PDB file of all heavy atoms in Angstrom:
ATOM      1  N   PRO A   1     115.325 112.287 123.402  1.00  0.00           N
ATOM      2  CA  PRO A   1     114.854 111.641 124.619  1.00  0.00           C
ATOM      3  C   PRO A   1     113.355 111.353 124.619  1.00  0.00           C
ATOM      4  O   PRO A   1     112.911 110.349 125.187  1.00  0.00           O
ATOM      5  CB  PRO A   1     115.234 112.617 125.725  1.00  0.00           C
ATOM      6  CG  PRO A   1     115.379 113.933 125.041  1.00  0.00           C
ATOM      7  CD  PRO A   1     115.858 113.616 123.656  1.00  0.00           C
ATOM      8  N   SER A   2     112.560 112.202 123.994  1.00  0.00           N
ATOM      9  CA  SER A   2     111.121 111.968 123.921  1.00  0.00           C
ATOM     10  C   SER A   2     110.805 110.755 123.051  1.00  0.00           C
ATOM     11  O   SER A   2     109.920 109.961 123.366  1.00  0.00           O
ATOM     12  CB  SER A   2     110.401 113.196 123.373  1.00  0.00           C
ATOM     13  OG  SER A   2     110.555 114.281 124.260  1.00  0.00           O
ATOM     14  N   VAL A   3     111.543 110.611 121.966  1.00  0.00           N
ATOM     15  CA  VAL A   3     111.366 109.456 121.082  1.00  0.00           C
ATOM     16  C   VAL A   3     111.846 108.188 121.782  1.00  0.00           C
ATOM     17  O   VAL A   3     111.165 107.158 121.765  1.00  0.00           O
ATOM     18  CB  VAL A   3     112.115 109.667 119.748  1.00  0.00           C
ATOM     19  CG1 VAL A   3     112.095 108.409 118.901  1.00  0.00           C
ATOM     20  CG2 VAL A   3     111.519 110.845 118.972  1.00  0.00           C
ATOM     21  N   ALA A   4     113.000 108.269 122.431  1.00  0.00           N
ATOM     22  CA  ALA A   4     113.555 107.090 123.111  1.00  0.00           C
ATOM     23  C   ALA A   4     112.642 106.606 124.232  1.00  0.00           C
ATOM     24  O   ALA A   4     112.458 105.399 124.405  1.00  0.00           O
ATOM     25  CB  ALA A   4     114.944 107.411 123.655  1.00  0.00           C
ATOM     26  N   SER A   5     112.053 107.536 124.984  1.00  0.00           N
ATOM     27  CA  SER A   5     111.171 107.111 126.075  1.00  0.00           C
ATOM     28  C   SER A   5     109.922 106.441 125.536  1.00  0.00           C
ATOM     29  O   SER A   5     109.439 105.453 126.093  1.00  0.00           O
ATOM     30  CB  SER A   5     110.801 108.294 126.975  1.00  0.00           C
ATOM     31  OG  SER A   5     109.950 109.207 126.316  1.00  0.00           O
ATOM     32  N   ARG A   6     109.414 106.937 124.422  1.00  0.00           N
ATOM     33  CA  ARG A   6     108.231 106.317 123.823  1.00  0.00           C
ATOM     34  C   ARG A   6     108.572 104.956 123.216  1.00  0.00           C
ATOM     35  O   ARG A   6     107.793 104.017 123.299  1.00  0.00           O
ATOM     36  CB  ARG A   6     107.619 107.247 122.788  1.00  0.00           C
ATOM     37  CG  ARG A   6     106.899 108.432 123.426  1.00  0.00           C
ATOM     38  CD  ARG A   6     106.500 109.433 122.356  1.00  0.00           C
ATOM     39  NE  ARG A   6     105.674 110.507 122.849  1.00  0.00           N
ATOM     40  CZ  ARG A   6     106.147 111.657 123.310  1.00  0.00           C
ATOM     41  NH1 ARG A   6     107.453 111.858 123.398  1.00  0.00           N
ATOM     42  NH2 ARG A   6     105.310 112.611 123.701  1.00  0.00           N
ATOM     43  N   GLN A   7     109.739 104.857 122.615  1.00  0.00           N
ATOM     44  CA  GLN A   7     110.185 103.572 122.074  1.00  0.00           C
ATOM     45  C   GLN A   7     110.288 102.555 123.205  1.00  0.00           C
ATOM     46  O   GLN A   7     109.838 101.412 123.068  1.00  0.00           O
ATOM     47  CB  GLN A   7     111.540 103.726 121.364  1.00  0.00           C
ATOM     48  CG  GLN A   7     112.170 102.429 120.920  1.00  0.00           C
ATOM     49  CD  GLN A   7     111.423 101.752 119.792  1.00  0.00           C
ATOM     50  OE1 GLN A   7     110.448 102.269 119.259  1.00  0.00           O
ATOM     51  NE2 GLN A   7     111.866 100.568 119.425  1.00  0.00           N
ATOM     52  N   ALA A   8     110.882 102.971 124.316  1.00  0.00           N
ATOM     53  CA  ALA A   8     111.002 102.079 125.469  1.00  0.00           C
ATOM     54  C   ALA A   8     109.620 101.660 125.961  1.00  0.00           C
ATOM     55  O   ALA A   8     109.401 100.488 126.286  1.00  0.00           O
ATOM     56  CB  ALA A   8     111.790 102.759 126.585  1.00  0.00           C
ATOM     57  N   LEU A   9     108.692 102.594 125.992  1.00  0.00           N
ATOM     58  CA  LEU A   9     107.332 102.268 126.424  1.00  0.00           C
ATOM     59  C   LEU A   9     106.706 101.229 125.501  1.00  0.00           C
ATOM     60  O   LEU A   9     106.101 100.261 125.958  1.00  0.00           O
ATOM     61  CB  LEU A   9     106.465 103.533 126.461  1.00  0.00           C
ATOM     62  CG  LEU A   9     105.039 103.343 126.956  1.00  0.00           C
ATOM     63  CD1 LEU A   9     105.011 102.802 128.379  1.00  0.00           C
ATOM     64  CD2 LEU A   9     104.288 104.666 126.864  1.00  0.00           C
ATOM     65  N   GLY A  10     106.884 101.408 124.207  1.00  0.00           N
ATOM     66  CA  GLY A  10     106.371 100.430 123.247  1.00  0.00           C
ATOM     67  C   GLY A  10     106.977  99.050 123.465  1.00  0.00           C
ATOM     68  O   GLY A  10     106.289  98.036 123.387  1.00  0.00           O
ATOM     69  N   MET A  11     108.256  99.024 123.784  1.00  0.00           N
ATOM     70  CA  MET A  11     108.927  97.753 124.056  1.00  0.00           C
ATOM     71  C   MET A  11     108.424  97.151 125.366  1.00  0.00           C
ATOM     72  O   MET A  11     108.282  95.927 125.477  1.00  0.00           O
ATOM     73  CB  MET A  11     110.444  97.936 124.112  1.00  0.00           C
ATOM     74  CG  MET A  11     111.082  98.265 122.776  1.00  0.00           C
ATOM     75  SD  MET A  11     110.881  96.915 121.600  1.00  0.00           S
ATOM     76  CE  MET A  11     110.098  97.771 120.257  1.00  0.00           C
ATOM     77  N   LEU A  12     108.161  97.973 126.355  1.00  0.00           N
ATOM     78  CA  LEU A  12     107.613  97.473 127.627  1.00  0.00           C
ATOM     79  C   LEU A  12     106.245  96.839 127.400  1.00  0.00           C
ATOM     80  O   LEU A  12     105.935  95.793 127.978  1.00  0.00           O
ATOM     81  CB  LEU A  12     107.514  98.603 128.654  1.00  0.00           C
ATOM     82  CG  LEU A  12     108.842  99.119 129.207  1.00  0.00           C
ATOM     83  CD1 LEU A  12     108.627 100.415 129.976  1.00  0.00           C
ATOM     84  CD2 LEU A  12     109.521  98.067 130.074  1.00  0.00           C
ATOM     85  N   TRP A  13     105.425  97.462 126.558  1.00  0.00           N
ATOM     86  CA  TRP A  13     104.114  96.888 126.238  1.00  0.00           C
ATOM     87  C   TRP A  13     104.278  95.498 125.640  1.00  0.00           C
ATOM     88  O   TRP A  13     103.449  94.626 125.851  1.00  0.00           O
ATOM     89  CB  TRP A  13     103.350  97.763 125.264  1.00  0.00           C
ATOM     90  CG  TRP A  13     102.863  99.062 125.815  1.00  0.00           C
ATOM     91  CD1 TRP A  13     102.524  99.346 127.111  1.00  0.00           C
ATOM     92  CD2 TRP A  13     102.621 100.265 125.090  1.00  0.00           C
ATOM     93  NE1 TRP A  13     102.099 100.641 127.218  1.00  0.00           N
ATOM     94  CE2 TRP A  13     102.158 101.237 125.985  1.00  0.00           C
ATOM     95  CE3 TRP A  13     102.774 100.610 123.751  1.00  0.00           C
ATOM     96  CZ2 TRP A  13     101.831 102.520 125.601  1.00  0.00           C
ATOM     97  CZ3 TRP A  13     102.449 101.896 123.366  1.00  0.00           C
ATOM     98  CH2 TRP A  13     101.970 102.848 124.284  1.00  0.00           C
ATOM     99  N   ARG A  14     105.338  95.303 124.865  1.00  0.00           N
ATOM    100  CA  ARG A  14     105.585  94.020 124.203  1.00  0.00           C
ATOM    101  C   ARG A  14     106.355  93.045 125.091  1.00  0.00           C
ATOM    102  O   ARG A  14     106.673  91.945 124.661  1.00  0.00           O
ATOM    103  CB  ARG A  14     106.380  94.247 122.918  1.00  0.00           C
ATOM    104  CG  ARG A  14     105.637  95.065 121.898  1.00  0.00           C
ATOM    105  CD  ARG A  14     106.520  95.371 120.711  1.00  0.00           C
ATOM    106  NE  ARG A  14     105.985  96.551 120.049  1.00  0.00           N
ATOM    107  CZ  ARG A  14     106.672  97.340 119.256  1.00  0.00           C
ATOM    108  NH1 ARG A  14     107.934  97.087 118.982  1.00  0.00           N
ATOM    109  NH2 ARG A  14     106.111  98.391 118.705  1.00  0.00           N
ATOM    110  N   LYS A  15     106.705  93.510 126.282  1.00  0.00           N
ATOM    111  CA  LYS A  15     107.508  92.730 127.223  1.00  0.00           C
ATOM    112  C   LYS A  15     108.902  92.411 126.671  1.00  0.00           C
ATOM    113  O   LYS A  15     109.516  91.413 127.040  1.00  0.00           O
ATOM    114  CB  LYS A  15     106.780  91.470 127.667  1.00  0.00           C
ATOM    115  CG  LYS A  15     105.468  91.766 128.370  1.00  0.00           C
ATOM    116  CD  LYS A  15     104.886  90.548 129.014  1.00  0.00           C
ATOM    117  CE  LYS A  15     103.549  90.774 129.674  1.00  0.00           C
ATOM    118  NZ  LYS A  15     103.266  91.993 130.327  1.00  0.00           N
ATOM    119  N   ASP A  16     109.392  93.280 125.812  1.00  0.00           N
ATOM    120  CA  ASP A  16     110.747  93.162 125.287  1.00  0.00           C
ATOM    121  C   ASP A  16     111.627  94.104 126.119  1.00  0.00           C
ATOM    122  O   ASP A  16     111.976  95.206 125.701  1.00  0.00           O
ATOM    123  CB  ASP A  16     110.788  93.526 123.801  1.00  0.00           C
ATOM    124  CG  ASP A  16     112.105  93.129 123.153  1.00  0.00           C
ATOM    125  OD1 ASP A  16     113.116  92.949 123.878  1.00  0.00           O
ATOM    126  OD2 ASP A  16     112.124  93.002 121.915  1.00  0.00           O
ATOM    127  N   TYR A  17     111.953  93.640 127.319  1.00  0.00           N
ATOM    128  CA  TYR A  17     112.624  94.485 128.304  1.00  0.00           C
ATOM    129  C   TYR A  17     114.044  94.847 127.911  1.00  0.00           C
ATOM    130  O   TYR A  17     114.496  95.950 128.214  1.00  0.00           O
ATOM    131  CB  TYR A  17     112.587  93.799 129.675  1.00  0.00           C
ATOM    132  CG  TYR A  17     111.176  93.469 130.104  1.00  0.00           C
ATOM    133  CD1 TYR A  17     110.764  92.150 130.274  1.00  0.00           C
ATOM    134  CD2 TYR A  17     110.243  94.479 130.319  1.00  0.00           C
ATOM    135  CE1 TYR A  17     109.469  91.853 130.653  1.00  0.00           C
ATOM    136  CE2 TYR A  17     108.932  94.185 130.695  1.00  0.00           C
ATOM    137  CZ  TYR A  17     108.560  92.876 130.863  1.00  0.00           C
ATOM    138  OH  TYR A  17     107.270  92.583 131.234  1.00  0.00           O
ATOM    139  N   GLU A  18     114.743  93.959 127.226  1.00  0.00           N
ATOM    140  CA  GLU A  18     116.105  94.264 126.770  1.00  0.00           C
ATOM    141  C   GLU A  18     116.090  95.435 125.785  1.00  0.00           C
ATOM    142  O   GLU A  18     116.906  96.349 125.891  1.00  0.00           O
ATOM    143  CB  GLU A  18     116.763  93.038 126.134  1.00  0.00           C
ATOM    144  CG  GLU A  18     117.203  91.989 127.111  1.00  0.00           C
ATOM    145  CD  GLU A  18     118.392  92.400 127.988  1.00  0.00           C
ATOM    146  OE1 GLU A  18     119.099  93.362 127.653  1.00  0.00           O
ATOM    147  OE2 GLU A  18     118.596  91.736 129.012  1.00  0.00           O
ATOM    148  N   LYS A  19     115.154  95.399 124.828  1.00  0.00           N
ATOM    149  CA  LYS A  19     115.084  96.483 123.842  1.00  0.00           C
ATOM    150  C   LYS A  19     114.616  97.789 124.486  1.00  0.00           C
ATOM    151  O   LYS A  19     115.046  98.864 124.076  1.00  0.00           O
ATOM    152  CB  LYS A  19     114.193  96.099 122.671  1.00  0.00           C
ATOM    153  CG  LYS A  19     114.877  95.138 121.725  1.00  0.00           C
ATOM    154  CD  LYS A  19     114.145  94.989 120.436  1.00  0.00           C
ATOM    155  CE  LYS A  19     114.904  94.035 119.526  1.00  0.00           C
ATOM    156  NZ  LYS A  19     114.184  93.739 118.309  1.00  0.00           N
ATOM    157  N   ALA A  20     113.758  97.703 125.485  1.00  0.00           N
ATOM    158  CA  ALA A  20     113.343  98.911 126.210  1.00  0.00           C
ATOM    159  C   ALA A  20     114.547  99.539 126.897  1.00  0.00           C
ATOM    160  O   ALA A  20     114.753 100.756 126.843  1.00  0.00           O
ATOM    161  CB  ALA A  20     112.258  98.569 127.229  1.00  0.00           C
ATOM    162  N   LEU A  21     115.360  98.697 127.502  1.00  0.00           N
ATOM    163  CA  LEU A  21     116.569  99.167 128.176  1.00  0.00           C
ATOM    164  C   LEU A  21     117.542  99.777 127.176  1.00  0.00           C
ATOM    165  O   LEU A  21     118.120 100.840 127.427  1.00  0.00           O
ATOM    166  CB  LEU A  21     117.209  97.987 128.907  1.00  0.00           C
ATOM    167  CG  LEU A  21     118.251  98.276 129.963  1.00  0.00           C
ATOM    168  CD1 LEU A  21     117.749  99.243 131.007  1.00  0.00           C
ATOM    169  CD2 LEU A  21     118.686  96.960 130.602  1.00  0.00           C
ATOM    170  N   GLU A  22     117.695  99.142 126.030  1.00  0.00           N
ATOM    171  CA  GLU A  22     118.576  99.668 124.979  1.00  0.00           C
ATOM    172  C   GLU A  22     118.100 101.040 124.491  1.00  0.00           C
ATOM    173  O   GLU A  22     118.921 101.920 124.231  1.00  0.00           O
ATOM    174  CB  GLU A  22     118.632  98.703 123.798  1.00  0.00           C
ATOM    175  CG  GLU A  22     119.401  97.435 124.065  1.00  0.00           C
ATOM    176  CD  GLU A  22     119.274  96.431 122.929  1.00  0.00           C
ATOM    177  OE1 GLU A  22     118.915  96.819 121.790  1.00  0.00           O
ATOM    178  OE2 GLU A  22     119.523  95.241 123.189  1.00  0.00           O
ATOM    179  N   ALA A  23     116.803 101.208 124.359  1.00  0.00           N
ATOM    180  CA  ALA A  23     116.257 102.473 123.842  1.00  0.00           C
ATOM    181  C   ALA A  23     116.650 103.649 124.723  1.00  0.00           C
ATOM    182  O   ALA A  23     117.054 104.694 124.218  1.00  0.00           O
ATOM    183  CB  ALA A  23     114.739 102.386 123.709  1.00  0.00           C
ATOM    184  N   VAL A  24     116.557 103.488 126.044  1.00  0.00           N
ATOM    185  CA  VAL A  24     116.897 104.606 126.927  1.00  0.00           C
ATOM    186  C   VAL A  24     118.393 104.706 127.186  1.00  0.00           C
ATOM    187  O   VAL A  24     118.894 105.792 127.479  1.00  0.00           O
ATOM    188  CB  VAL A  24     116.120 104.570 128.261  1.00  0.00           C
ATOM    189  CG1 VAL A  24     114.642 104.739 128.027  1.00  0.00           C
ATOM    190  CG2 VAL A  24     116.417 103.341 129.072  1.00  0.00           C
ATOM    191  N   SER A  25     119.098 103.597 127.045  1.00  0.00           N
ATOM    192  CA  SER A  25     120.541 103.612 127.305  1.00  0.00           C
ATOM    193  C   SER A  25     121.285 104.558 126.372  1.00  0.00           C
ATOM    194  O   SER A  25     122.312 105.107 126.749  1.00  0.00           O
ATOM    195  CB  SER A  25     121.127 102.204 127.189  1.00  0.00           C
ATOM    196  OG  SER A  25     120.629 101.393 128.217  1.00  0.00           O
ATOM    197  N   GLY A  26     120.762 104.770 125.188  1.00  0.00           N
ATOM    198  CA  GLY A  26     121.416 105.647 124.231  1.00  0.00           C
ATOM    199  C   GLY A  26     121.295 107.129 124.544  1.00  0.00           C
ATOM    200  O   GLY A  26     122.009 107.935 123.959  1.00  0.00           O
ATOM    201  N   VAL A  27     120.419 107.495 125.481  1.00  0.00           N
ATOM    202  CA  VAL A  27     120.199 108.920 125.751  1.00  0.00           C
ATOM    203  C   VAL A  27     120.218 109.297 127.227  1.00  0.00           C
ATOM    204  O   VAL A  27     120.345 110.470 127.554  1.00  0.00           O
ATOM    205  CB  VAL A  27     118.870 109.410 125.129  1.00  0.00           C
ATOM    206  CG1 VAL A  27     118.897 109.332 123.623  1.00  0.00           C
ATOM    207  CG2 VAL A  27     117.686 108.676 125.700  1.00  0.00           C
ATOM    208  N   ILE A  28     120.116 108.335 128.111  1.00  0.00           N
ATOM    209  CA  ILE A  28     119.947 108.663 129.530  1.00  0.00           C
ATOM    210  C   ILE A  28     121.155 109.383 130.131  1.00  0.00           C
ATOM    211  O   ILE A  28     121.010 110.214 131.017  1.00  0.00           O
ATOM    212  CB  ILE A  28     119.566 107.406 130.351  1.00  0.00           C
ATOM    213  CG1 ILE A  28     118.848 107.807 131.630  1.00  0.00           C
ATOM    214  CG2 ILE A  28     120.763 106.510 130.582  1.00  0.00           C
ATOM    215  CD1 ILE A  28     118.116 106.668 132.303  1.00  0.00           C
ATOM    216  N   ASP A  29     122.344 109.092 129.631  1.00  0.00           N
ATOM    217  CA  ASP A  29     123.532 109.779 130.140  1.00  0.00           C
ATOM    218  C   ASP A  29     123.600 111.233 129.676  1.00  0.00           C
ATOM    219  O   ASP A  29     124.209 112.060 130.341  1.00  0.00           O
ATOM    220  CB  ASP A  29     124.802 109.042 129.710  1.00  0.00           C
ATOM    221  CG  ASP A  29     124.947 107.698 130.408  1.00  0.00           C
ATOM    222  OD1 ASP A  29     124.379 107.535 131.502  1.00  0.00           O
ATOM    223  OD2 ASP A  29     125.620 106.808 129.852  1.00  0.00           O
ATOM    224  N   ILE A  30     122.973 111.519 128.562  1.00  0.00           N
ATOM    225  CA  ILE A  30     122.951 112.887 128.036  1.00  0.00           C
ATOM    226  C   ILE A  30     121.842 113.703 128.703  1.00  0.00           C
ATOM    227  O   ILE A  30     122.039 114.848 129.067  1.00  0.00           O
ATOM    228  CB  ILE A  30     122.742 112.872 126.506  1.00  0.00           C
ATOM    229  CG1 ILE A  30     123.868 112.099 125.826  1.00  0.00           C
ATOM    230  CG2 ILE A  30     122.649 114.295 125.956  1.00  0.00           C
ATOM    231  CD1 ILE A  30     123.585 111.746 124.376  1.00  0.00           C
ATOM    232  N   TYR A  31     120.688 113.083 128.879  1.00  0.00           N
ATOM    233  CA  TYR A  31     119.507 113.755 129.441  1.00  0.00           C
ATOM    234  C   TYR A  31     119.189 113.160 130.812  1.00  0.00           C
ATOM    235  O   TYR A  31     118.103 112.668 131.059  1.00  0.00           O
ATOM    236  CB  TYR A  31     118.312 113.588 128.499  1.00  0.00           C
ATOM    237  CG  TYR A  31     118.553 114.146 127.125  1.00  0.00           C
ATOM    238  CD1 TYR A  31     118.943 113.329 126.078  1.00  0.00           C
ATOM    239  CD2 TYR A  31     118.404 115.511 126.885  1.00  0.00           C
ATOM    240  CE1 TYR A  31     119.167 113.848 124.810  1.00  0.00           C
ATOM    241  CE2 TYR A  31     118.637 116.043 125.621  1.00  0.00           C
ATOM    242  CZ  TYR A  31     119.017 115.196 124.595  1.00  0.00           C
ATOM    243  OH  TYR A  31     119.239 115.718 123.342  1.00  0.00           O
ATOM    244  N   GLU A  32     120.167 113.214 131.702  1.00  0.00           N
ATOM    245  CA  GLU A  32     120.024 112.532 132.978  1.00  0.00           C
ATOM    246  C   GLU A  32     119.003 113.155 133.922  1.00  0.00           C
ATOM    247  O   GLU A  32     118.656 112.552 134.934  1.00  0.00           O
ATOM    248  CB  GLU A  32     121.380 112.390 133.669  1.00  0.00           C
ATOM    249  CG  GLU A  32     122.097 113.680 133.885  1.00  0.00           C
ATOM    250  CD  GLU A  32     123.534 113.472 134.347  1.00  0.00           C
ATOM    251  OE1 GLU A  32     124.136 112.433 134.030  1.00  0.00           O
ATOM    252  OE2 GLU A  32     124.041 114.366 135.027  1.00  0.00           O
ATOM    253  N   ASP A  33     118.472 114.316 133.581  1.00  0.00           N
ATOM    254  CA  ASP A  33     117.447 114.931 134.428  1.00  0.00           C
ATOM    255  C   ASP A  33     116.028 114.596 133.972  1.00  0.00           C
ATOM    256  O   ASP A  33     115.060 115.060 134.566  1.00  0.00           O
ATOM    257  CB  ASP A  33     117.625 116.453 134.464  1.00  0.00           C
ATOM    258  CG  ASP A  33     117.442 117.095 133.096  1.00  0.00           C
ATOM    259  OD1 ASP A  33     117.654 116.413 132.069  1.00  0.00           O
ATOM    260  OD2 ASP A  33     117.085 118.292 133.053  1.00  0.00           O
ATOM    261  N   ARG A  34     115.885 113.769 132.955  1.00  0.00           N
ATOM    262  CA  ARG A  34     114.563 113.372 132.457  1.00  0.00           C
ATOM    263  C   ARG A  34     114.069 112.162 133.236  1.00  0.00           C
ATOM    264  O   ARG A  34     114.503 111.039 133.018  1.00  0.00           O
ATOM    265  CB  ARG A  34     114.606 113.028 130.965  1.00  0.00           C
ATOM    266  CG  ARG A  34     115.019 114.159 130.060  1.00  0.00           C
ATOM    267  CD  ARG A  34     113.813 115.053 129.741  1.00  0.00           C
ATOM    268  NE  ARG A  34     114.177 116.123 128.860  1.00  0.00           N
ATOM    269  CZ  ARG A  34     113.882 116.162 127.574  1.00  0.00           C
ATOM    270  NH1 ARG A  34     113.206 115.183 127.016  1.00  0.00           N
ATOM    271  NH2 ARG A  34     114.260 117.183 126.843  1.00  0.00           N
ATOM    272  N   THR A  35     113.147 112.395 134.139  1.00  0.00           N
ATOM    273  CA  THR A  35     112.667 111.314 135.002  1.00  0.00           C
ATOM    274  C   THR A  35     111.998 110.198 134.202  1.00  0.00           C
ATOM    275  O   THR A  35     112.072 109.036 134.600  1.00  0.00           O
ATOM    276  CB  THR A  35     111.703 111.842 136.078  1.00  0.00           C
ATOM    277  OG1 THR A  35     110.607 112.502 135.464  1.00  0.00           O
ATOM    278  CG2 THR A  35     112.420 112.784 137.028  1.00  0.00           C
ATOM    279  N   VAL A  36     111.371 110.523 133.093  1.00  0.00           N
ATOM    280  CA  VAL A  36     110.697 109.490 132.305  1.00  0.00           C
ATOM    281  C   VAL A  36     111.694 108.452 131.791  1.00  0.00           C
ATOM    282  O   VAL A  36     111.380 107.266 131.719  1.00  0.00           O
ATOM    283  CB  VAL A  36     109.855 110.101 131.162  1.00  0.00           C
ATOM    284  CG1 VAL A  36     110.725 110.709 130.074  1.00  0.00           C
ATOM    285  CG2 VAL A  36     108.899 109.078 130.577  1.00  0.00           C
ATOM    286  N   LEU A  37     112.911 108.869 131.484  1.00  0.00           N
ATOM    287  CA  LEU A  37     113.929 107.924 131.027  1.00  0.00           C
ATOM    288  C   LEU A  37     114.335 106.982 132.160  1.00  0.00           C
ATOM    289  O   LEU A  37     114.479 105.775 131.949  1.00  0.00           O
ATOM    290  CB  LEU A  37     115.151 108.667 130.486  1.00  0.00           C
ATOM    291  CG  LEU A  37     114.908 109.527 129.238  1.00  0.00           C
ATOM    292  CD1 LEU A  37     116.158 110.326 128.895  1.00  0.00           C
ATOM    293  CD2 LEU A  37     114.463 108.678 128.066  1.00  0.00           C
ATOM    294  N   TRP A  38     114.494 107.531 133.359  1.00  0.00           N
ATOM    295  CA  TRP A  38     114.829 106.694 134.509  1.00  0.00           C
ATOM    296  C   TRP A  38     113.678 105.740 134.834  1.00  0.00           C
ATOM    297  O   TRP A  38     113.905 104.586 135.220  1.00  0.00           O
ATOM    298  CB  TRP A  38     115.179 107.555 135.723  1.00  0.00           C
ATOM    299  CG  TRP A  38     116.483 108.267 135.552  1.00  0.00           C
ATOM    300  CD1 TRP A  38     116.668 109.603 135.324  1.00  0.00           C
ATOM    301  CD2 TRP A  38     117.794 107.691 135.570  1.00  0.00           C
ATOM    302  NE1 TRP A  38     117.996 109.881 135.201  1.00  0.00           N
ATOM    303  CE2 TRP A  38     118.715 108.732 135.355  1.00  0.00           C
ATOM    304  CE3 TRP A  38     118.264 106.393 135.758  1.00  0.00           C
ATOM    305  CZ2 TRP A  38     120.090 108.510 135.314  1.00  0.00           C
ATOM    306  CZ3 TRP A  38     119.638 106.169 135.721  1.00  0.00           C
ATOM    307  CH2 TRP A  38     120.528 107.227 135.502  1.00  0.00           C
ATOM    308  N   MET A  39     112.439 106.226 134.687  1.00  0.00           N
ATOM    309  CA  MET A  39     111.285 105.370 134.952  1.00  0.00           C
ATOM    310  C   MET A  39     111.262 104.204 133.980  1.00  0.00           C
ATOM    311  O   MET A  39     111.056 103.049 134.375  1.00  0.00           O
ATOM    312  CB  MET A  39     109.996 106.188 134.864  1.00  0.00           C
ATOM    313  CG  MET A  39     108.785 105.453 135.349  1.00  0.00           C
ATOM    314  SD  MET A  39     108.925 105.160 137.125  1.00  0.00           S
ATOM    315  CE  MET A  39     107.227 104.978 137.548  1.00  0.00           C
TER     316      MET A  39
END
């Protein structure tokens, strides 16, 4: 989840919103209490 959230952040910086969404989608159901993933 820490790697996925950072990957999503990197994608957000690039304005690649689909890839940012994909990065967290792979882990958010497992780590649903991680607010950074929801953010």
